[in-house]
Amino acid sequence: MIALLLGLFLDGSVCAATPPTGVLRPMQVQDLLLVKRTPRWYNEVWSWQFLFDNGTQATLNYTWARLGFKDPVCGADLAYAGFEGRNYSVGREYPQDRFKQSASPFRIQIHPEMSAQGLPPESHHVHFETTKNQGFYLDMEFSRMVPGVVWGNGIWKVGDDNLTIVLAIPSARVKGRIAVGKDTLQVEGWAVMEHVSQTALLADIFNSSIRAFAAGPEPSYLNLFRENDGGDWTGFGVEWSPSGPHLVAPGRVFVQDGGNLPPLAFSITSPDGRRLAFRRSTVAQSGSLLDGMEGMTRWVIKQFVGNVVLQRGLLDKPNSFYQATSVR
């Protein structure tokens, strides 16, 4: 769960986020490599979202983090929603020297049993395995990948700090095996991959976010976040058509509050009138950020942040799903 704690310390002033400039461009291998910059709170996360044909959802995060209060670490966390009717999560944390990467062929590794390899859209494979608790397993081979995109340089400017978002795999079919303990399932389904880096802690500025994924040959992606202290929602979207991907840049953002649940409906309309909208259908999983944490990281988050709620479920479009995060 390191990947999600990175944005959850509430300290500092609010300043409006300035989006990237430029046009959508194809993702390159450099967009997926760890930079390991020096700011005290610098961190990166490689995140995969899965929606399997049997209804199970999964989220896998690999992370490198400079957390300020301790030496840099790398880690991984896996969550299942609806695995044979139950929800699970697990997290592992390791010294930073466990992290390995290469550009050609592309590969990142947190641990010998936690890796991703192959540069999308030509090839991609992810593997996660741990014996912690009852044991957890995920192994997926990707196919039919839509080429990844980046908005300009990908950088949102937030005061003196940066947030970089790369949509590495907008949509793909996956096939493989998932397991909890001795319960093993052969599955097929859809997947999306993002790579995010930041030079500061997100919740200095944002206290809520929702990311929507609509998989398929012509996918859609929407990433919205709300500025801290009751500020406005902002974000962006990307929508595919037969002619290719189209940016839905910040313009009018609508979010219908869901109370203790994720937003009921949300949309973005660009200045040129392009609109991307979703409506929440289900809440498949609701849990605490602390569930998958270990050691000092868990203690610090519990003491200084409190409860951070993660929620996942389905949206109103075919093969569409979301992840919502809020500080309460």
C-alpha atoms as a PDB file:
ATOM      1  CA  MET A   1       0.000   0.000   0.000  1.00  0.00           C
ATOM      2  CA  ILE A   2       3.000   2.325  -0.186  1.00  0.00           C
ATOM      3  CA  ALA A   3       1.691   3.528  -3.528  1.00  0.00           C
ATOM      4  CA  LEU A   4      -1.331   5.135  -1.912  1.00  0.00           C
ATOM      5  CA  LEU A   5       0.197   6.545   1.257  1.00  0.00           C
ATOM      6  CA  LEU A   6       2.317   8.786  -0.954  1.00  0.00           C
ATOM      7  CA  GLY A   7      -0.451  11.336  -1.244  1.00  0.00           C
ATOM      8  CA  LEU A   8      -1.840  11.345   2.251  1.00  0.00           C
ATOM      9  CA  PHE A   9       0.004  13.726   4.592  1.00  0.00           C
ATOM     10  CA  LEU A  10      -2.118  16.823   5.192  1.00  0.00           C
ATOM     11  CA  ASP A  11       0.281  19.729   5.517  1.00  0.00           C
ATOM     12  CA  GLY A  12       0.985  22.832   3.485  1.00  0.00           C
ATOM     13  CA  SER A  13      -0.960  25.398   1.497  1.00  0.00           C
ATOM     14  CA  VAL A  14      -3.367  24.852  -1.357  1.00  0.00           C
ATOM     15  CA  CYS A  15      -2.397  25.974  -4.840  1.00  0.00           C
ATOM     16  CA  ALA A  16      -4.108  25.303  -8.120  1.00  0.00           C
ATOM     17  CA  ALA A  17      -2.721  22.538 -10.297  1.00  0.00           C
ATOM     18  CA  THR A  18      -1.572  23.537 -13.784  1.00  0.00           C
ATOM     19  CA  PRO A  19      -2.096  20.770 -16.377  1.00  0.00           C
ATOM     20  CA  PRO A  20       0.472  19.639 -18.943  1.00  0.00           C
ATOM     21  CA  THR A  21       0.749  21.488 -22.225  1.00  0.00           C
ATOM     22  CA  GLY A  22       0.984  20.033 -25.699  1.00  0.00           C
ATOM     23  CA  VAL A  23      -0.757  17.150 -27.400  1.00  0.00           C
ATOM     24  CA  LEU A  24      -1.119  13.440 -26.760  1.00  0.00           C
ATOM     25  CA  ARG A  25       1.996  11.544 -27.814  1.00  0.00           C
ATOM     26  CA  PRO A  26       2.941   7.859 -27.920  1.00  0.00           C
ATOM     27  CA  MET A  27       4.413   6.411 -24.738  1.00  0.00           C
ATOM     28  CA  GLN A  28       8.113   5.489 -24.852  1.00  0.00           C
ATOM     29  CA  VAL A  29      10.192   3.178 -22.671  1.00  0.00           C
ATOM     30  CA  GLN A  30      11.713   6.190 -20.873  1.00  0.00           C
ATOM     31  CA  ASP A  31       8.221   7.027 -19.609  1.00  0.00           C
ATOM     32  CA  LEU A  32       8.183   3.737 -17.664  1.00  0.00           C
ATOM     33  CA  LEU A  33      11.634   3.808 -16.060  1.00  0.00           C
ATOM     34  CA  LEU A  34      12.348   4.847 -12.474  1.00  0.00           C
ATOM     35  CA  VAL A  35      14.004   8.272 -12.328  1.00  0.00           C
ATOM     36  CA  LYS A  36      14.839   8.172  -8.575  1.00  0.00           C
ATOM     37  CA  ARG A  37      14.995  11.927  -8.079  1.00  0.00           C
ATOM     38  CA  THR A  38      16.214  13.555  -4.868  1.00  0.00           C
ATOM     39  CA  PRO A  39      13.237  15.443  -3.342  1.00  0.00           C
ATOM     40  CA  ARG A  40      12.493  14.251   0.176  1.00  0.00           C
ATOM     41  CA  TRP A  41       9.096  12.844  -0.779  1.00  0.00           C
ATOM     42  CA  TYR A  42       9.821  11.671  -4.336  1.00  0.00           C
ATOM     43  CA  ASN A  43       8.032   8.483  -5.338  1.00  0.00           C
ATOM     44  CA  GLU A  44       6.856   6.453  -8.310  1.00  0.00           C
ATOM     45  CA  VAL A  45       4.143   3.832  -8.730  1.00  0.00           C
ATOM     46  CA  TRP A  46       3.418   1.357 -11.514  1.00  0.00           C
ATOM     47  CA  SER A  47      -0.263   0.438 -11.191  1.00  0.00           C
ATOM     48  CA  TRP A  48      -2.343  -2.259 -12.921  1.00  0.00           C
ATOM     49  CA  GLN A  49      -6.143  -2.470 -12.691  1.00  0.00           C
ATOM     50  CA  PHE A  50      -7.876  -5.726 -13.671  1.00  0.00           C
ATOM     51  CA  LEU A  51     -11.502  -6.621 -14.361  1.00  0.00           C
ATOM     52  CA  PHE A  52     -11.823 -10.360 -14.958  1.00  0.00           C
ATOM     53  CA  ASP A  53     -14.657 -11.925 -16.896  1.00  0.00           C
ATOM     54  CA  ASN A  54     -15.841 -13.753 -13.756  1.00  0.00           C
ATOM     55  CA  GLY A  55     -16.498 -10.387 -12.046  1.00  0.00           C
ATOM     56  CA  THR A  56     -13.417 -10.312  -9.810  1.00  0.00           C
ATOM     57  CA  GLN A  57     -11.453  -7.052  -9.711  1.00  0.00           C
ATOM     58  CA  ALA A  58      -7.773  -6.748  -8.814  1.00  0.00           C
ATOM     59  CA  THR A  59      -5.312  -3.908  -8.267  1.00  0.00           C
ATOM     60  CA  LEU A  60      -1.547  -4.441  -8.290  1.00  0.00           C
ATOM     61  CA  ASN A  61       0.915  -1.652  -7.410  1.00  0.00           C
ATOM     62  CA  TYR A  62       4.713  -1.657  -7.537  1.00  0.00           C
ATOM     63  CA  THR A  63       6.369   1.321  -5.839  1.00  0.00           C
ATOM     64  CA  TRP A  64       9.666   3.068  -5.181  1.00  0.00           C
ATOM     65  CA  ALA A  65       9.362   5.740  -2.502  1.00  0.00           C
ATOM     66  CA  ARG A  66      11.459   8.296  -0.662  1.00  0.00           C
ATOM     67  CA  LEU A  67       9.162   8.861   2.317  1.00  0.00           C
ATOM     68  CA  GLY A  68      11.137  11.465   4.232  1.00  0.00           C
ATOM     69  CA  PHE A  69      10.832   9.794   7.640  1.00  0.00           C
ATOM     70  CA  LYS A  70      12.864   6.710   6.676  1.00  0.00           C
ATOM     71  CA  ASP A  71      15.313   5.399   4.088  1.00  0.00           C
ATOM     72  CA  PRO A  72      13.873   4.909   0.583  1.00  0.00           C
ATOM     73  CA  VAL A  73      11.941   1.690   0.097  1.00  0.00           C
ATOM     74  CA  CYS A  74      10.326  -0.293  -2.670  1.00  0.00           C
ATOM     75  CA  GLY A  75       7.198  -2.344  -2.279  1.00  0.00           C
ATOM     76  CA  ALA A  76       4.167  -4.040  -3.737  1.00  0.00           C
ATOM     77  CA  ASP A  77       0.515  -4.395  -2.819  1.00  0.00           C
ATOM     78  CA  LEU A  78      -2.264  -6.521  -4.261  1.00  0.00           C
ATOM     79  CA  ALA A  79      -6.014  -6.285  -3.647  1.00  0.00           C
ATOM     80  CA  TYR A  80      -8.812  -8.580  -4.798  1.00  0.00           C
ATOM     81  CA  ALA A  81     -12.480  -7.575  -4.853  1.00  0.00           C
ATOM     82  CA  GLY A  82     -14.945 -10.435  -5.220  1.00  0.00           C
ATOM     83  CA  PHE A  83     -12.493 -13.334  -5.195  1.00  0.00           C
ATOM     84  CA  GLU A  84     -14.959 -16.196  -4.697  1.00  0.00           C
ATOM     85  CA  GLY A  85     -17.247 -13.758  -2.910  1.00  0.00           C
ATOM     86  CA  ARG A  86     -14.637 -12.216  -0.582  1.00  0.00           C
ATOM     87  CA  ASN A  87     -12.249  -9.244  -0.593  1.00  0.00           C
ATOM     88  CA  TYR A  88      -8.535  -9.444   0.233  1.00  0.00           C
ATOM     89  CA  SER A  89      -5.450  -7.228   0.330  1.00  0.00           C
ATOM     90  CA  VAL A  90      -1.771  -7.745   1.080  1.00  0.00           C
ATOM     91  CA  GLY A  91       1.317  -5.532   1.004  1.00  0.00           C
ATOM     92  CA  ARG A  92       5.083  -6.084   1.138  1.00  0.00           C
ATOM     93  CA  GLU A  93       7.907  -3.606   1.727  1.00  0.00           C
ATOM     94  CA  TYR A  94      11.640  -3.981   1.019  1.00  0.00           C
ATOM     95  CA  PRO A  95      14.868  -1.910   1.091  1.00  0.00           C
ATOM     96  CA  GLN A  96      15.326   0.182  -2.037  1.00  0.00           C
ATOM     97  CA  ASP A  97      18.237  -1.925  -3.287  1.00  0.00           C
ATOM     98  CA  ARG A  98      15.773  -4.721  -4.060  1.00  0.00           C
ATOM     99  CA  PHE A  99      14.404  -2.624  -6.934  1.00  0.00           C
ATOM    100  CA  LYS A 100      15.839  -3.602 -10.332  1.00  0.00           C
ATOM    101  CA  GLN A 101      15.070  -2.266 -13.807  1.00  0.00           C
ATOM    102  CA  SER A 102      16.232  -2.436 -17.405  1.00  0.00           C
ATOM    103  CA  ALA A 103      15.171  -0.588 -20.539  1.00  0.00           C
ATOM    104  CA  SER A 104      15.938  -3.225 -23.167  1.00  0.00           C
ATOM    105  CA  PRO A 105      14.208  -5.501 -22.656  1.00  0.00           C
ATOM    106  CA  PHE A 106      11.929  -3.502 -20.371  1.00  0.00           C
ATOM    107  CA  ARG A 107      11.686  -5.003 -16.892  1.00  0.00           C
ATOM    108  CA  ILE A 108      11.076  -3.800 -13.343  1.00  0.00           C
ATOM    109  CA  GLN A 109      11.468  -5.991 -10.266  1.00  0.00           C
ATOM    110  CA  ILE A 110      10.604  -5.393  -6.621  1.00  0.00           C
ATOM    111  CA  HIS A 111      11.488  -8.926  -5.520  1.00  0.00           C
ATOM    112  CA  PRO A 112      12.309 -12.097  -7.493  1.00  0.00           C
ATOM    113  CA  GLU A 113       8.601 -13.019  -7.209  1.00  0.00           C
ATOM    114  CA  MET A 114       7.281  -9.512  -7.971  1.00  0.00           C
ATOM    115  CA  SER A 115       8.059  -8.222 -11.461  1.00  0.00           C
ATOM    116  CA  ALA A 116       6.778  -6.820 -14.749  1.00  0.00           C
ATOM    117  CA  GLN A 117       8.439  -7.271 -18.118  1.00  0.00           C
ATOM    118  CA  GLY A 118       7.853  -6.516 -21.776  1.00  0.00           C
ATOM    119  CA  LEU A 119       7.309  -3.091 -23.345  1.00  0.00           C
ATOM    120  CA  PRO A 120       3.669  -2.443 -24.271  1.00  0.00           C
ATOM    121  CA  PRO A 121       2.054  -2.775 -26.731  1.00  0.00           C
ATOM    122  CA  GLU A 122       4.370  -5.444 -28.171  1.00  0.00           C
ATOM    123  CA  SER A 123       4.417  -7.622 -25.042  1.00  0.00           C
ATOM    124  CA  HIS A 124       3.767  -7.456 -21.314  1.00  0.00           C
ATOM    125  CA  HIS A 125       3.658  -9.869 -18.380  1.00  0.00           C
ATOM    126  CA  VAL A 126       3.221  -9.275 -14.630  1.00  0.00           C
ATOM    127  CA  HIS A 127       3.879 -11.633 -11.738  1.00  0.00           C
ATOM    128  CA  PHE A 128       3.221 -11.281  -8.001  1.00  0.00           C
ATOM    129  CA  GLU A 129       3.648 -13.972  -5.387  1.00  0.00           C
ATOM    130  CA  THR A 130       3.975 -13.879  -1.596  1.00  0.00           C
ATOM    131  CA  THR A 131       3.538 -16.341   1.248  1.00  0.00           C
ATOM    132  CA  LYS A 132       2.469 -13.589   3.663  1.00  0.00           C
ATOM    133  CA  ASN A 133      -0.730 -14.446   5.560  1.00  0.00           C
ATOM    134  CA  GLN A 134      -2.393 -17.292   3.657  1.00  0.00           C
ATOM    135  CA  GLY A 135      -0.435 -16.546   0.469  1.00  0.00           C
ATOM    136  CA  PHE A 136      -1.346 -14.507  -2.625  1.00  0.00           C
ATOM    137  CA  TYR A 137      -0.619 -15.007  -6.308  1.00  0.00           C
ATOM    138  CA  LEU A 138      -1.225 -13.213  -9.606  1.00  0.00           C
ATOM    139  CA  ASP A 139       0.350 -14.055 -12.975  1.00  0.00           C
ATOM    140  CA  MET A 140      -0.970 -12.392 -16.146  1.00  0.00           C
ATOM    141  CA  GLU A 141      -0.012 -12.399 -19.814  1.00  0.00           C
ATOM    142  CA  PHE A 142      -1.220  -9.374 -21.821  1.00  0.00           C
ATOM    143  CA  SER A 143      -2.522  -9.279 -25.405  1.00  0.00           C
ATOM    144  CA  ARG A 144      -4.482  -6.934 -27.697  1.00  0.00           C
ATOM    145  CA  MET A 145      -2.885  -3.917 -26.019  1.00  0.00           C
ATOM    146  CA  VAL A 146      -3.935  -0.418 -27.080  1.00  0.00           C
ATOM    147  CA  PRO A 147      -0.752   1.706 -27.403  1.00  0.00           C
ATOM    148  CA  GLY A 148      -0.033   3.931 -24.420  1.00  0.00           C
ATOM    149  CA  VAL A 149      -0.162   7.725 -24.462  1.00  0.00           C
ATOM    150  CA  VAL A 150       1.165  10.715 -22.525  1.00  0.00           C
ATOM    151  CA  TRP A 151      -0.249  14.250 -22.512  1.00  0.00           C
ATOM    152  CA  GLY A 152       2.755  16.330 -23.587  1.00  0.00           C
ATOM    153  CA  ASN A 153       5.456  15.808 -20.963  1.00  0.00           C
ATOM    154  CA  GLY A 154       2.814  14.366 -18.634  1.00  0.00           C
ATOM    155  CA  ILE A 155       3.612  16.853 -15.858  1.00  0.00           C
ATOM    156  CA  TRP A 156       1.015  18.618 -13.729  1.00  0.00           C
ATOM    157  CA  LYS A 157       2.637  21.594 -11.967  1.00  0.00           C
ATOM    158  CA  VAL A 158       1.584  22.071  -8.351  1.00  0.00           C
ATOM    159  CA  GLY A 159       3.437  25.043  -6.924  1.00  0.00           C
ATOM    160  CA  ASP A 160       7.094  24.021  -7.043  1.00  0.00           C
ATOM    161  CA  ASP A 161       6.259  20.323  -7.358  1.00  0.00           C
ATOM    162  CA  ASN A 162       5.364  17.946 -10.168  1.00  0.00           C
ATOM    163  CA  LEU A 163       2.906  15.113 -10.709  1.00  0.00           C
ATOM    164  CA  THR A 164       3.529  13.013 -13.833  1.00  0.00           C
ATOM    165  CA  ILE A 165       0.866  10.664 -15.249  1.00  0.00           C
ATOM    166  CA  VAL A 166       1.564   8.106 -17.986  1.00  0.00           C
ATOM    167  CA  LEU A 167      -1.245   5.937 -19.374  1.00  0.00           C
ATOM    168  CA  ALA A 168       0.972   2.998 -20.308  1.00  0.00           C
ATOM    169  CA  ILE A 169      -1.741   0.495 -21.286  1.00  0.00           C
ATOM    170  CA  PRO A 170      -5.151   2.098 -21.926  1.00  0.00           C
ATOM    171  CA  SER A 171      -6.688  -1.350 -22.469  1.00  0.00           C
ATOM    172  CA  ALA A 172      -5.571  -4.964 -22.880  1.00  0.00           C
ATOM    173  CA  ARG A 173      -6.880  -8.490 -22.654  1.00  0.00           C
ATOM    174  CA  VAL A 174      -5.207 -10.636 -20.003  1.00  0.00           C
ATOM    175  CA  LYS A 175      -5.095 -14.337 -19.253  1.00  0.00           C
ATOM    176  CA  GLY A 176      -3.548 -16.141 -16.311  1.00  0.00           C
ATOM    177  CA  ARG A 177      -3.978 -17.326 -12.751  1.00  0.00           C
ATOM    178  CA  ILE A 178      -4.926 -15.714  -9.431  1.00  0.00           C
ATOM    179  CA  ALA A 179      -4.890 -17.342  -6.011  1.00  0.00           C
ATOM    180  CA  VAL A 180      -5.518 -16.755  -2.328  1.00  0.00           C
ATOM    181  CA  GLY A 181      -4.087 -19.533  -0.214  1.00  0.00           C
ATOM    182  CA  LYS A 182      -4.912 -22.832  -1.886  1.00  0.00           C
ATOM    183  CA  ASP A 183      -7.884 -21.387  -3.812  1.00  0.00           C
ATOM    184  CA  THR A 184      -6.730 -20.898  -7.399  1.00  0.00           C
ATOM    185  CA  LEU A 185      -8.641 -19.539 -10.381  1.00  0.00           C
ATOM    186  CA  GLN A 186      -7.784 -19.510 -14.082  1.00  0.00           C
ATOM    187  CA  VAL A 187      -9.065 -16.176 -15.382  1.00  0.00           C
ATOM    188  CA  GLU A 188      -9.318 -13.955 -18.434  1.00  0.00           C
ATOM    189  CA  GLY A 189     -10.327 -10.335 -18.552  1.00  0.00           C
ATOM    190  CA  TRP A 190      -9.351  -6.710 -19.100  1.00  0.00           C
ATOM    191  CA  ALA A 191      -6.484  -4.622 -17.727  1.00  0.00           C
ATOM    192  CA  VAL A 192      -5.157  -1.055 -17.648  1.00  0.00           C
ATOM    193  CA  MET A 193      -1.697   0.169 -16.583  1.00  0.00           C
ATOM    194  CA  GLU A 194      -0.579   3.598 -15.317  1.00  0.00           C
ATOM    195  CA  HIS A 195       2.805   4.963 -14.235  1.00  0.00           C
ATOM    196  CA  VAL A 196       2.746   7.934 -11.860  1.00  0.00           C
ATOM    197  CA  SER A 197       5.598   9.902 -10.295  1.00  0.00           C
ATOM    198  CA  GLN A 198       5.526  12.873  -7.988  1.00  0.00           C
ATOM    199  CA  THR A 199       7.940  15.173  -6.177  1.00  0.00           C
ATOM    200  CA  ALA A 200       5.639  15.907  -3.199  1.00  0.00           C
ATOM    201  CA  LEU A 201       2.843  14.329  -1.195  1.00  0.00           C
ATOM    202  CA  LEU A 202      -0.435  14.576  -3.076  1.00  0.00           C
ATOM    203  CA  ALA A 203      -2.722  15.306  -0.154  1.00  0.00           C
ATOM    204  CA  ASP A 204      -0.950  18.598   0.423  1.00  0.00           C
ATOM    205  CA  ILE A 205      -3.228  19.537  -2.464  1.00  0.00           C
ATOM    206  CA  PHE A 206      -5.756  16.733  -3.111  1.00  0.00           C
ATOM    207  CA  ASN A 207      -8.032  14.911  -0.669  1.00  0.00           C
ATOM    208  CA  SER A 208     -10.131  12.798  -3.052  1.00  0.00           C
ATOM    209  CA  SER A 209      -9.649  11.144  -6.408  1.00  0.00           C
ATOM    210  CA  ILE A 210     -11.445   8.823  -8.771  1.00  0.00           C
ATOM    211  CA  ARG A 211      -9.990   7.040 -11.783  1.00  0.00           C
ATOM    212  CA  ALA A 212     -12.314   5.475 -14.347  1.00  0.00           C
ATOM    213  CA  PHE A 213     -11.366   2.854 -16.925  1.00  0.00           C
ATOM    214  CA  ALA A 214     -13.484   1.640 -19.832  1.00  0.00           C
ATOM    215  CA  ALA A 215     -11.625  -1.188 -21.571  1.00  0.00           C
ATOM    216  CA  GLY A 216     -12.025  -2.396 -25.142  1.00  0.00           C
ATOM    217  CA  PRO A 217     -10.714  -1.739 -28.656  1.00  0.00           C
ATOM    218  CA  GLU A 218     -11.676   1.945 -28.258  1.00  0.00           C
ATOM    219  CA  PRO A 219     -11.181   2.571 -24.517  1.00  0.00           C
ATOM    220  CA  SER A 220     -11.811   5.597 -22.313  1.00  0.00           C
ATOM    221  CA  TYR A 221      -9.834   6.874 -19.324  1.00  0.00           C
ATOM    222  CA  LEU A 222     -10.785   9.559 -16.796  1.00  0.00           C
ATOM    223  CA  ASN A 223      -8.645  10.795 -13.897  1.00  0.00           C
ATOM    224  CA  LEU A 224     -10.250  13.361 -11.561  1.00  0.00           C
ATOM    225  CA  PHE A 225      -8.993  14.727  -8.251  1.00  0.00           C
ATOM    226  CA  ARG A 226     -10.285  17.284  -5.774  1.00  0.00           C
ATOM    227  CA  GLU A 227      -8.078  19.992  -4.366  1.00  0.00           C
ATOM    228  CA  ASN A 228      -7.650  20.080  -0.609  1.00  0.00           C
ATOM    229  CA  ASP A 229      -9.738  22.178   1.827  1.00  0.00           C
ATOM    230  CA  GLY A 230     -12.884  21.908  -0.257  1.00  0.00           C
ATOM    231  CA  GLY A 231     -11.292  23.025  -3.495  1.00  0.00           C
ATOM    232  CA  ASP A 232     -12.486  22.278  -6.984  1.00  0.00           C
ATOM    233  CA  TRP A 233     -12.299  19.016  -8.893  1.00  0.00           C
ATOM    234  CA  THR A 234      -9.955  18.918 -11.880  1.00  0.00           C
ATOM    235  CA  GLY A 235      -8.302  16.302 -14.069  1.00  0.00           C
ATOM    236  CA  PHE A 236      -8.370  15.008 -17.628  1.00  0.00           C
ATOM    237  CA  GLY A 237      -9.573  12.195 -19.842  1.00  0.00           C
ATOM    238  CA  VAL A 238      -8.577  10.316 -22.982  1.00  0.00           C
ATOM    239  CA  GLU A 239     -11.148   8.817 -25.351  1.00  0.00           C
ATOM    240  CA  TRP A 240     -10.482   6.601 -28.362  1.00  0.00           C
ATOM    241  CA  SER A 241     -12.341   6.539 -31.669  1.00  0.00           C
ATOM    242  CA  PRO A 242     -11.575   4.845 -35.016  1.00  0.00           C
ATOM    243  CA  SER A 243      -9.244   7.790 -35.750  1.00  0.00           C
ATOM    244  CA  GLY A 244      -7.237   7.281 -32.550  1.00  0.00           C
ATOM    245  CA  PRO A 245      -7.000   8.820 -29.054  1.00  0.00           C
ATOM    246  CA  HIS A 246      -8.480  12.216 -28.233  1.00  0.00           C
ATOM    247  CA  LEU A 247      -7.565  14.335 -25.211  1.00  0.00           C
ATOM    248  CA  VAL A 248     -10.405  15.596 -23.013  1.00  0.00           C
ATOM    249  CA  ALA A 249      -8.601  18.528 -21.403  1.00  0.00           C
ATOM    250  CA  PRO A 250      -9.770  20.288 -18.233  1.00  0.00           C
ATOM    251  CA  GLY A 251     -12.810  22.460 -18.769  1.00  0.00           C
ATOM    252  CA  ARG A 252     -16.069  21.876 -16.898  1.00  0.00           C
ATOM    253  CA  VAL A 253     -15.868  19.091 -14.307  1.00  0.00           C
ATOM    254  CA  PHE A 254     -19.012  17.661 -12.714  1.00  0.00           C
ATOM    255  CA  VAL A 255     -18.944  15.322  -9.712  1.00  0.00           C
ATOM    256  CA  GLN A 256     -22.127  14.154  -7.954  1.00  0.00           C
ATOM    257  CA  ASP A 257     -21.218  13.501  -4.331  1.00  0.00           C
ATOM    258  CA  GLY A 258     -21.836   9.976  -3.056  1.00  0.00           C
ATOM    259  CA  GLY A 259     -21.545  10.676   0.671  1.00  0.00           C
ATOM    260  CA  ASN A 260     -19.535   7.834   2.202  1.00  0.00           C
ATOM    261  CA  LEU A 261     -19.603   6.062  -1.161  1.00  0.00           C
ATOM    262  CA  PRO A 262     -17.671   7.036  -4.302  1.00  0.00           C
ATOM    263  CA  PRO A 263     -19.165   9.762  -6.509  1.00  0.00           C
ATOM    264  CA  LEU A 264     -22.436   8.651  -8.047  1.00  0.00           C
ATOM    265  CA  ALA A 265     -21.723  10.333 -11.376  1.00  0.00           C
ATOM    266  CA  PHE A 266     -18.829  12.338 -12.774  1.00  0.00           C
ATOM    267  CA  SER A 267     -17.813  13.908 -16.066  1.00  0.00           C
ATOM    268  CA  ILE A 268     -15.405  16.285 -17.760  1.00  0.00           C
ATOM    269  CA  THR A 269     -16.117  18.557 -20.715  1.00  0.00           C
ATOM    270  CA  SER A 270     -13.204  20.075 -22.621  1.00  0.00           C
ATOM    271  CA  PRO A 271     -13.208  23.671 -23.895  1.00  0.00           C
ATOM    272  CA  ASP A 272     -13.894  22.363 -27.419  1.00  0.00           C
ATOM    273  CA  GLY A 273     -17.021  20.519 -26.214  1.00  0.00           C
ATOM    274  CA  ARG A 274     -15.707  16.954 -26.019  1.00  0.00           C
ATOM    275  CA  ARG A 275     -17.347  15.206 -23.029  1.00  0.00           C
ATOM    276  CA  LEU A 276     -16.493  12.048 -21.106  1.00  0.00           C
ATOM    277  CA  ALA A 277     -18.943  10.860 -18.435  1.00  0.00           C
ATOM    278  CA  PHE A 278     -19.467   7.865 -16.138  1.00  0.00           C
ATOM    279  CA  ARG A 279     -21.998   6.734 -13.540  1.00  0.00           C
ATOM    280  CA  ARG A 280     -21.198   4.401 -10.654  1.00  0.00           C
ATOM    281  CA  SER A 281     -23.054   1.080 -10.727  1.00  0.00           C
ATOM    282  CA  THR A 282     -21.592  -0.904  -7.815  1.00  0.00           C
ATOM    283  CA  VAL A 283     -19.207  -0.716  -4.871  1.00  0.00           C
ATOM    284  CA  ALA A 284     -17.383  -4.042  -4.854  1.00  0.00           C
ATOM    285  CA  GLN A 285     -14.738  -3.240  -2.229  1.00  0.00           C
ATOM    286  CA  SER A 286     -14.353  -0.651   0.522  1.00  0.00           C
ATOM    287  CA  GLY A 287     -11.403  -0.849   2.878  1.00  0.00           C
ATOM    288  CA  SER A 288      -8.649   1.016   4.677  1.00  0.00           C
ATOM    289  CA  LEU A 289      -5.272   1.963   3.279  1.00  0.00           C
ATOM    290  CA  LEU A 290      -3.732   0.452   6.411  1.00  0.00           C
ATOM    291  CA  ASP A 291      -4.890  -3.070   5.547  1.00  0.00           C
ATOM    292  CA  GLY A 292      -1.862  -3.936   3.443  1.00  0.00           C
ATOM    293  CA  MET A 293       0.842  -1.929   5.249  1.00  0.00           C
ATOM    294  CA  GLU A 294       3.788  -3.119   7.300  1.00  0.00           C
ATOM    295  CA  GLY A 295       5.992  -1.861  10.146  1.00  0.00           C
ATOM    296  CA  MET A 296       6.986   1.783  10.454  1.00  0.00           C
ATOM    297  CA  THR A 297       5.043   2.807   7.361  1.00  0.00           C
ATOM    298  CA  ARG A 298       1.781   1.595   8.911  1.00  0.00           C
ATOM    299  CA  TRP A 299       2.532   3.325  12.226  1.00  0.00           C
ATOM    300  CA  VAL A 300       3.294   6.695  10.627  1.00  0.00           C
ATOM    301  CA  ILE A 301       0.187   6.677   8.449  1.00  0.00           C
ATOM    302  CA  LYS A 302      -2.032   5.688  11.380  1.00  0.00           C
ATOM    303  CA  GLN A 303      -0.642   8.423  13.615  1.00  0.00           C
ATOM    304  CA  PHE A 304      -0.473  11.319  11.163  1.00  0.00           C
ATOM    305  CA  VAL A 305      -3.157  10.630   8.566  1.00  0.00           C
ATOM    306  CA  GLY A 306      -5.870   8.468  10.108  1.00  0.00           C
ATOM    307  CA  ASN A 307      -8.331   6.578   7.964  1.00  0.00           C
ATOM    308  CA  VAL A 308      -7.901   6.525   4.197  1.00  0.00           C
ATOM    309  CA  VAL A 309     -10.712   4.728   2.371  1.00  0.00           C
ATOM    310  CA  LEU A 310     -10.161   2.862  -0.901  1.00  0.00           C
ATOM    311  CA  GLN A 311     -13.193   1.813  -2.936  1.00  0.00           C
ATOM    312  CA  ARG A 312     -13.520  -0.150  -6.179  1.00  0.00           C
ATOM    313  CA  GLY A 313     -16.442  -1.222  -8.322  1.00  0.00           C
ATOM    314  CA  LEU A 314     -18.156  -1.115 -11.695  1.00  0.00           C
ATOM    315  CA  LEU A 315     -19.376   1.753 -13.859  1.00  0.00           C
ATOM    316  CA  ASP A 316     -22.249   2.053 -16.295  1.00  0.00           C
ATOM    317  CA  LYS A 317     -20.348   1.367 -19.525  1.00  0.00           C
ATOM    318  CA  PRO A 318     -19.317  -2.089 -20.805  1.00  0.00           C
ATOM    319  CA  ASN A 319     -16.080  -3.365 -19.227  1.00  0.00           C
ATOM    320  CA  SER A 320     -15.814  -0.190 -17.119  1.00  0.00           C
ATOM    321  CA  PHE A 321     -14.562   0.046 -13.540  1.00  0.00           C
ATOM    322  CA  TYR A 322     -13.065   2.561 -11.101  1.00  0.00           C
ATOM    323  CA  GLN A 323     -10.891   3.144  -8.078  1.00  0.00           C
ATOM    324  CA  ALA A 324     -11.744   5.939  -5.620  1.00  0.00           C
ATOM    325  CA  THR A 325      -9.596   7.241  -2.747  1.00  0.00           C
ATOM    326  CA  SER A 326     -10.644   9.617   0.049  1.00  0.00           C
ATOM    327  CA  VAL A 327      -9.173  10.881   3.326  1.00  0.00           C
ATOM    328  CA  ARG A 328     -11.671  10.786   6.206  1.00  0.00           C
END
